[in-house]
Protein backbone atom coordinates (compact mmCIF):
# COMPACT_ATOMS: atom_id res chain seq x y z
CA UNK A 1 -20.75 6.16 22.69
CA UNK A 2 -19.24 9.62 22.87
CA UNK A 3 -15.93 9.40 20.96
CA UNK A 4 -13.17 11.95 20.45
CA UNK A 5 -10.80 11.70 17.46
CA UNK A 6 -7.61 13.80 17.51
CA UNK A 7 -5.33 14.29 14.49
CA UNK A 8 -3.05 17.06 13.25
CA UNK A 9 -3.94 17.07 9.53
CA UNK A 10 -7.14 18.16 7.84
CA UNK A 11 -9.73 15.58 8.88
CA UNK A 12 -11.41 15.75 5.48
CA UNK A 13 -8.27 15.39 3.38
CA UNK A 14 -6.34 12.84 5.43
CA UNK A 15 -7.85 9.49 4.40
CA UNK A 16 -7.16 7.52 7.58
CA UNK A 17 -8.93 9.67 10.20
CA UNK A 18 -11.63 10.52 7.67
CA UNK A 19 -12.44 6.82 7.14
CA UNK A 20 -12.72 6.36 10.88
CA UNK A 21 -15.08 9.32 11.28
CA UNK A 22 -17.18 8.14 8.34
CA UNK A 23 -17.48 4.65 9.85
CA UNK A 24 -18.44 5.98 13.28
CA UNK A 25 -20.53 9.11 12.94
CA UNK A 26 -23.87 7.47 12.15
CA UNK A 27 -23.85 5.28 15.27
CA UNK A 28 -21.85 7.34 17.75
CA UNK A 29 -21.50 10.91 18.96
CA UNK A 30 -18.26 12.06 17.33
CA UNK A 31 -16.16 15.02 18.42
CA UNK A 32 -12.92 15.93 16.65
CA UNK A 33 -9.73 17.92 17.08
CA UNK A 34 -7.65 18.67 14.00
CA UNK A 35 -6.39 21.21 11.49
CA UNK A 36 -9.79 21.42 9.78
CA UNK A 37 -13.08 19.60 10.20
CA UNK A 38 -14.34 16.58 8.29
CA UNK A 39 -17.90 17.90 8.06
CA UNK A 40 -19.32 14.78 9.73
CA UNK A 41 -18.56 15.36 13.42
CA UNK A 42 -20.91 16.69 16.12
CA UNK A 43 -18.36 19.26 17.25
CA UNK A 44 -14.91 20.34 16.12
CA UNK A 45 -11.95 22.03 17.82
CA UNK A 46 -9.13 23.46 15.75
CA UNK A 47 -5.58 22.50 16.71
CA UNK A 48 -3.04 24.86 15.22
CA UNK A 49 0.73 24.50 14.92
CA UNK A 50 3.49 27.07 14.92
CA UNK A 51 4.80 28.31 11.59
CA UNK A 52 7.76 26.35 10.25
CA UNK A 53 10.31 29.10 10.87
CA UNK A 54 9.29 29.36 14.53
CA UNK A 55 9.17 25.58 14.98
CA UNK A 56 12.80 25.40 13.79
CA UNK A 57 13.78 27.54 16.78
CA UNK A 58 11.56 25.56 19.13
CA UNK A 59 13.26 22.23 18.46
CA UNK A 60 16.32 23.52 20.31
CA UNK A 61 14.19 23.11 23.45
CA UNK A 62 14.41 19.37 22.85
CA UNK A 63 18.22 19.42 22.91
CA UNK A 64 17.97 21.17 26.28
CA UNK A 65 15.69 18.41 27.58
CA UNK A 66 12.72 20.78 28.03
CA UNK A 67 10.28 18.18 26.75
CA UNK A 68 7.19 19.20 28.73
CA UNK A 69 7.69 22.88 27.95
CA UNK A 70 8.06 22.03 24.26
CA UNK A 71 5.00 19.77 24.24
CA UNK A 72 2.45 21.93 26.04
CA UNK A 73 2.41 24.85 23.64
CA UNK A 74 -0.34 27.46 23.63
CA UNK A 75 -2.36 25.61 20.99
CA UNK A 76 -2.62 22.35 22.95
CA UNK A 77 -3.43 24.25 26.15
CA UNK A 78 -6.14 26.22 24.33
CA UNK A 79 -7.75 23.07 22.92
CA UNK A 80 -7.63 21.31 26.28
CA UNK A 81 -9.27 24.23 28.08
CA UNK A 82 -12.03 24.32 25.45
CA UNK A 83 -12.84 20.62 25.58
CA UNK A 84 -12.08 19.62 29.18
CA UNK A 85 -15.73 19.95 30.26
CA UNK A 86 -16.62 16.91 28.11
CA UNK A 87 -16.66 13.32 29.35
CA UNK A 88 -15.75 10.85 26.61
CA UNK A 89 -16.24 7.10 26.47
CA UNK A 90 -13.30 6.61 24.10
CA UNK A 91 -10.50 8.73 22.63
CA UNK A 92 -8.59 7.92 19.42
CA UNK A 93 -5.28 9.76 18.97
CA UNK A 94 -3.51 9.79 15.63
CA UNK A 95 0.27 9.55 16.09
CA UNK A 96 2.21 9.33 19.35
CA UNK A 97 2.73 13.10 19.51
CA UNK A 98 -0.94 13.59 20.39
CA UNK A 99 -1.19 10.89 23.06
CA UNK A 100 -0.31 13.07 26.10
CA UNK A 101 -3.09 15.49 25.08
CA UNK A 102 -5.46 12.57 24.48
CA UNK A 103 -4.72 11.05 27.89
CA UNK A 104 -5.31 14.35 29.65
CA UNK A 105 -8.64 14.90 27.88
CA UNK A 106 -9.73 11.26 28.29
CA UNK A 107 -9.35 11.29 32.09
CA UNK A 108 -10.28 7.67 32.88
CA UNK A 109 -11.64 6.78 29.43
CA UNK A 110 -9.61 4.35 27.28
CA UNK A 111 -7.29 5.79 24.63
CA UNK A 112 -6.51 4.06 21.33
CA UNK A 113 -3.36 5.18 19.56
CA UNK A 114 -3.49 5.05 15.78
CA UNK A 115 0.27 5.18 15.44
CA UNK A 116 0.20 5.16 11.63
CA UNK A 117 3.89 4.26 11.45
CA UNK A 118 6.77 3.42 13.80
CA UNK A 119 7.39 6.67 15.64
CA UNK A 120 10.85 6.04 17.22
CA UNK A 121 12.31 5.72 13.71
CA UNK A 122 10.11 8.14 11.78
CA UNK A 123 12.85 9.82 9.74
CA UNK A 124 16.00 8.00 10.77
CA UNK A 125 17.60 8.86 7.43
CA UNK A 126 17.49 12.59 8.26
CA UNK A 127 20.32 13.84 10.47
CA UNK A 128 18.27 16.82 11.70
CA UNK A 129 15.54 14.47 12.89
CA UNK A 130 18.08 12.14 14.51
CA UNK A 131 19.93 15.00 16.24
CA UNK A 132 16.97 17.02 17.51
CA UNK A 133 13.82 14.89 17.55
CA UNK A 134 14.54 11.13 17.76
CA UNK A 135 15.13 11.09 21.52
CA UNK A 136 11.93 13.06 22.08
CA UNK A 137 9.79 10.64 20.05
CA UNK A 138 11.38 7.65 21.76
CA UNK A 139 10.59 9.26 25.12
CA UNK A 140 6.97 9.83 24.05
CA UNK A 141 6.69 6.12 23.26
CA UNK A 142 8.37 4.91 26.46
CA UNK A 143 6.24 7.14 28.67
CA UNK A 144 2.88 6.91 26.92
CA UNK A 145 2.53 3.56 25.17
CA UNK A 146 1.99 1.74 28.51
CA UNK A 147 -0.91 4.12 29.19
CA UNK A 148 -2.88 3.54 25.98
CA UNK A 149 -5.34 0.69 25.75
CA UNK A 150 -4.51 -0.47 22.22
CA UNK A 151 -2.30 0.53 19.31
CA UNK A 152 -3.33 0.46 15.64
CA UNK A 153 -0.81 0.58 12.82
CA UNK A 154 -0.59 0.08 9.07
CA UNK A 155 1.66 -2.88 8.21
CA UNK A 156 2.70 -6.24 9.71
CA UNK A 157 6.35 -5.20 10.08
CA UNK A 158 5.39 -2.15 12.13
CA UNK A 159 2.97 -4.21 14.26
CA UNK A 160 5.85 -6.54 15.07
CA UNK A 161 8.17 -3.65 15.98
CA UNK A 162 5.72 -2.14 18.50
CA UNK A 163 4.97 -5.50 20.08
CA UNK A 164 8.64 -6.50 20.30
CA UNK A 165 10.06 -3.20 21.55
CA UNK A 166 7.19 -1.84 23.66
CA UNK A 167 5.10 -4.91 24.52
CA UNK A 168 1.97 -3.24 23.15
CA UNK A 169 -1.40 -4.70 22.22
CA UNK A 170 -1.10 -3.80 18.52
CA UNK A 171 -3.70 -4.35 15.81
CA UNK A 172 -3.20 -4.22 12.04
CA UNK A 173 -5.60 -1.85 10.25
CA UNK A 174 -4.20 -1.28 6.76
CA UNK A 175 -4.41 1.94 4.76
CA UNK A 176 -6.79 0.38 2.27
CA UNK A 177 -9.12 2.51 0.14
CA UNK A 178 -12.88 2.35 -0.24
CA UNK A 179 -14.12 -0.04 -2.90
CA UNK A 180 -14.96 1.80 -6.13
CA UNK A 181 -17.31 -0.44 -8.10
CA UNK A 182 -18.02 1.80 -11.08
CA UNK A 183 -14.57 1.75 -12.72
CA UNK A 184 -13.14 -0.53 -15.36
CA UNK A 185 -9.53 -0.67 -16.61
CA UNK A 186 -8.99 2.05 -19.21
CA UNK A 187 -7.89 1.23 -22.73
CA UNK A 188 -4.15 1.26 -23.41
CA UNK A 189 -2.62 3.33 -26.18
CA UNK A 190 0.05 0.97 -27.49
CA UNK A 191 2.04 3.91 -28.85
CA UNK A 192 2.37 5.68 -25.48
CA UNK A 193 2.30 3.95 -22.07
CA UNK A 194 1.21 6.44 -19.41
CA UNK A 195 2.77 6.07 -15.95
CA UNK A 196 1.54 7.87 -12.81
CA UNK A 197 3.05 8.43 -9.37
CA UNK A 198 1.28 10.51 -6.73
CA UNK A 199 2.16 11.45 -3.17
CA UNK A 200 4.03 13.92 -1.01
CA UNK A 201 7.36 15.49 -1.85
CA UNK A 202 9.96 13.93 0.46
CA UNK A 203 13.69 13.54 -0.02
CA UNK A 204 13.46 10.30 2.01
CA UNK A 205 11.51 8.78 -0.87
CA UNK A 206 14.28 9.44 -3.40
CA UNK A 207 11.90 10.79 -6.03
CA UNK A 208 14.86 11.66 -8.23
CA UNK A 209 15.08 7.93 -9.03
CA UNK A 210 11.72 8.14 -10.80
CA UNK A 211 13.08 10.91 -12.99
CA UNK A 212 16.32 9.01 -13.61
CA UNK A 213 14.21 6.07 -14.74
CA UNK A 214 13.05 8.08 -17.74
CA UNK A 215 16.68 8.39 -18.90
CA UNK A 216 16.61 4.62 -19.44
CA UNK A 217 13.24 4.48 -21.23
CA UNK A 218 12.23 5.52 -24.72
CA UNK A 219 10.52 8.86 -24.05
CA UNK A 220 8.48 8.52 -27.23
CA UNK A 221 6.88 5.34 -25.87
CA UNK A 222 6.62 6.12 -22.15
CA UNK A 223 5.24 9.14 -20.33
CA UNK A 224 5.76 9.77 -16.60
CA UNK A 225 3.16 11.83 -14.74
CA UNK A 226 4.01 13.11 -11.27
CA UNK A 227 1.26 14.44 -9.00
CA UNK A 228 3.19 15.72 -6.00
CA UNK A 229 2.10 17.65 -2.92
CA UNK A 230 4.85 19.91 -1.63
CA UNK A 231 5.19 22.02 1.51
CA UNK A 232 7.34 24.94 2.59
CA UNK A 233 9.98 22.57 3.98
CA UNK A 234 10.26 20.62 0.69
CA UNK A 235 10.00 23.54 -1.72
CA UNK A 236 13.69 23.54 -2.68
CA UNK A 237 13.77 19.78 -3.21
CA UNK A 238 10.66 20.05 -5.41
CA UNK A 239 12.34 22.71 -7.54
CA UNK A 240 15.38 20.46 -7.89
CA UNK A 241 13.17 17.63 -9.14
CA UNK A 242 11.56 19.88 -11.73
CA UNK A 243 14.95 21.04 -13.02
CA UNK A 244 16.12 17.44 -13.25
CA UNK A 245 13.01 16.49 -15.26
CA UNK A 246 13.63 19.00 -18.04
CA UNK A 247 13.97 17.53 -21.53
CA UNK A 248 12.34 14.28 -20.43
CA UNK A 249 8.75 13.17 -21.11
CA UNK A 250 7.67 14.02 -17.57
CA UNK A 251 4.51 15.94 -16.73
CA UNK A 252 3.94 17.54 -13.32
CA UNK A 253 0.24 17.41 -12.57
CA UNK A 254 -1.67 19.63 -10.18
CA UNK A 255 -2.96 17.64 -7.20
CA UNK A 256 -6.65 16.73 -7.28
CA UNK A 257 -8.99 16.41 -4.31
CA UNK A 258 -8.78 13.20 -2.31
CA UNK A 259 -12.24 12.05 -3.44
CA UNK A 260 -11.29 12.64 -7.10
CA UNK A 261 -7.93 10.86 -7.02
CA UNK A 262 -8.99 7.29 -7.81
CA UNK A 263 -11.22 8.06 -10.83
CA UNK A 264 -8.67 10.59 -12.12
CA UNK A 265 -5.85 8.03 -12.10
CA UNK A 266 -7.98 5.50 -13.97
CA UNK A 267 -6.88 7.13 -17.25
CA UNK A 268 -3.28 5.95 -16.77
CA UNK A 269 -1.74 2.52 -17.38
CA UNK A 270 0.94 1.93 -14.73
CA UNK A 271 0.88 3.09 -11.13
CA UNK A 272 4.46 3.63 -9.95
CA UNK A 273 5.32 3.13 -6.26
CA UNK A 274 9.08 3.08 -5.71
CA UNK A 275 10.00 3.67 -2.07
CA UNK A 276 13.64 2.76 -1.33
CA UNK A 277 14.05 1.62 2.31
CA UNK A 278 15.92 4.72 3.45
CA UNK A 279 14.27 4.50 6.87
CA UNK A 280 12.37 1.93 8.93
CA UNK A 281 8.89 3.06 7.93
CA UNK A 282 9.67 3.02 4.22
CA UNK A 283 11.20 -0.42 4.62
CA UNK A 284 7.85 -1.75 5.88
CA UNK A 285 5.61 0.61 3.87
CA UNK A 286 2.15 -0.52 2.84
CA UNK A 287 1.17 2.79 1.35
CA UNK A 288 -2.17 4.52 0.80
CA UNK A 289 -1.24 4.99 -2.83
CA UNK A 290 -0.73 1.25 -3.32
CA UNK A 291 -4.38 0.52 -2.53
CA UNK A 292 -5.61 3.66 -4.31
CA UNK A 293 -3.90 2.56 -7.53
CA UNK A 294 -5.56 -0.83 -7.30
CA UNK A 295 -8.94 0.90 -7.05
CA UNK A 296 -7.90 2.98 -10.10
CA UNK A 297 -7.48 -0.37 -11.94
CA UNK A 298 -3.83 0.24 -12.79
CA UNK A 299 -0.96 -2.14 -13.41
CA UNK A 300 1.61 -1.65 -10.65
CA UNK A 301 5.35 -1.12 -10.84
CA UNK A 302 7.11 -1.31 -7.48
CA UNK A 303 10.50 -1.97 -5.92
CA UNK A 304 11.51 -5.16 -4.09
CA UNK A 305 9.99 -4.07 -0.79
CA UNK A 306 8.84 -6.33 2.03
CA UNK A 307 5.10 -5.67 2.28
CA UNK A 308 3.70 -4.51 -1.07
CA UNK A 309 5.56 -7.15 -3.08
CA UNK A 310 3.58 -9.85 -1.24
CA UNK A 311 0.36 -8.51 -2.76
CA UNK A 312 1.82 -7.92 -6.21
CA UNK A 313 3.07 -11.50 -6.36
CA UNK A 314 -0.04 -13.11 -4.86
CA UNK A 315 -2.56 -11.29 -7.07
CA UNK A 316 -0.39 -10.76 -10.19
CA UNK A 317 -0.82 -7.01 -10.05
CA UNK A 318 2.32 -5.89 -11.85
CA UNK A 319 6.10 -5.64 -11.98
CA UNK A 320 8.76 -5.72 -9.25
CA UNK A 321 12.24 -4.38 -9.98
CA UNK A 322 15.28 -6.49 -9.14
CA UNK A 323 16.83 -3.81 -6.93
CA UNK A 324 16.40 -0.18 -5.87
CA UNK A 325 18.13 1.41 -8.85
CA UNK A 326 16.42 3.52 -11.49
CA UNK A 327 18.01 1.31 -14.15
CA UNK A 328 16.49 -1.86 -12.70
CA UNK A 329 13.07 -0.20 -12.51
CA UNK A 330 13.33 0.98 -16.12
CA UNK A 331 14.43 -2.45 -17.31
CA UNK A 332 11.43 -4.08 -15.67
CA UNK A 333 9.02 -1.60 -17.26
CA UNK A 334 10.81 -1.83 -20.61
CA UNK A 335 10.46 -5.61 -20.62
CA UNK A 336 6.67 -5.49 -20.38
CA UNK A 337 4.19 -5.11 -23.23
CA UNK A 338 0.61 -4.03 -23.81
CA UNK A 339 -0.70 -7.55 -23.26
CA UNK A 340 0.99 -7.86 -19.85
CA UNK A 341 -0.08 -4.40 -18.75
CA UNK A 342 -3.65 -5.20 -19.76
CA UNK A 343 -3.50 -8.42 -17.72
CA UNK A 344 -2.24 -6.57 -14.63
CA UNK A 345 -4.98 -3.94 -14.97
CA UNK A 346 -7.58 -6.68 -15.21
CA UNK A 347 -6.12 -8.29 -12.08
CA UNK A 348 -6.47 -5.00 -10.20
CA UNK A 349 -10.08 -4.90 -11.31
CA UNK A 350 -10.66 -8.54 -10.34
CA UNK A 351 -9.32 -8.07 -6.81
CA UNK A 352 -10.37 -4.45 -6.22
CA UNK A 353 -13.07 -5.48 -3.75
CA UNK A 354 -10.87 -7.98 -1.90
CA UNK A 355 -8.13 -5.37 -1.54
CA UNK A 356 -10.45 -2.53 -0.52
CA UNK A 357 -11.15 -1.18 2.97
CA UNK A 358 -14.20 -3.43 3.53
CA UNK A 359 -12.52 -5.88 5.90
CA UNK A 360 -10.31 -3.26 7.53
CA UNK A 361 -13.42 -1.20 8.27
CA UNK A 362 -15.06 -4.25 9.85
CA UNK A 363 -11.98 -4.93 11.98
CA UNK A 364 -11.95 -1.29 13.06
CA UNK A 365 -15.64 -1.37 13.98
CA UNK A 366 -15.12 -4.64 15.88
CA UNK A 367 -12.45 -2.86 17.90
CA UNK A 368 -14.67 0.14 18.63
CA UNK A 369 -17.68 -2.01 19.47
CA UNK A 370 -15.59 -3.97 21.96
CA UNK A 371 -15.78 -0.85 24.14
CA UNK A 372 -19.58 -0.84 24.11
CA UNK A 373 -22.34 -3.34 24.82
CA UNK A 374 -23.31 -3.49 21.15
CA UNK A 375 -22.77 -6.70 19.19
CA UNK A 376 -19.71 -6.72 16.95
CA UNK A 377 -19.61 -6.97 13.19
CA UNK A 378 -18.83 -10.34 11.72
CA UNK A 379 -15.58 -10.37 9.77
CA UNK A 380 -15.89 -11.41 6.12
């Protein structure tokens, strides 16, 4: 089949579209639209965005109700004019904001929306998003979800929300990571437990709680490593975090490449994922980093969330705090010992294959193959 994949981020660095391209490119003709190419596609079209300062002015168009004018900017028009001569058998659009473009390019071909998360409540904790953008995203869903063939998303809670509120045909494809079979749990230094958290800088995630946690731990026995990816819009918040971390045993690490992340994190002991439910998507988060840390063979320390705690409990992967306070998180980590941490790391190793992307890849390929005459993969 001739398949088009559309996503805003770098197709090589964003793990979800990259996994899809990697699964498809050997058996199908793959064309892509994105910020930068994956290196695996047959052809690539760059989709640019306005600079942040200009986009701030543009969002006032949404308050005026000029939705179509806002949507069809010069970059989308340019991409459409470049690619419109093609006839695709299937189009996969990442996030609802790219569905109108996908539908126009697809013509009569089916469109699959990889929604990632629940778009109508993306950043409900942010008043700017609620005031300027929420109505626009809700409108995108109301107008375009009935036109897509299927919806993919990342966690059971988000699947349920799409099906309940938009009557969609929604499929769960988790953000699992590729199975890494050449790693073993690293040895633990009983004198210094090394904790790692990695991810984007976002005030919604209340990263200051991770720093506050270190005020409740013995900094001679515990070390917190933060590998954070910031952007222009989060620069000030990132600086605030660094100031807050002074005089604590906290190390800010430079981000590593996506393909280096799992082996790099293997050197640590505890993978920290603490995502207070400040908005709908964080409430039902089943994060990339959760599955990446399992592949890194780490013990996990998480909050009492809905989705990830199911896995931690079922597979004995680590610790769950009693509530969403930094004190509760610290108390849970403080109450552990080297023997328990070693057990959790061994459990991550034991279930690394089961909790990898193997079955999610098969489910994804089953979905794609349902649009062709080829026989589907058998789920394992």
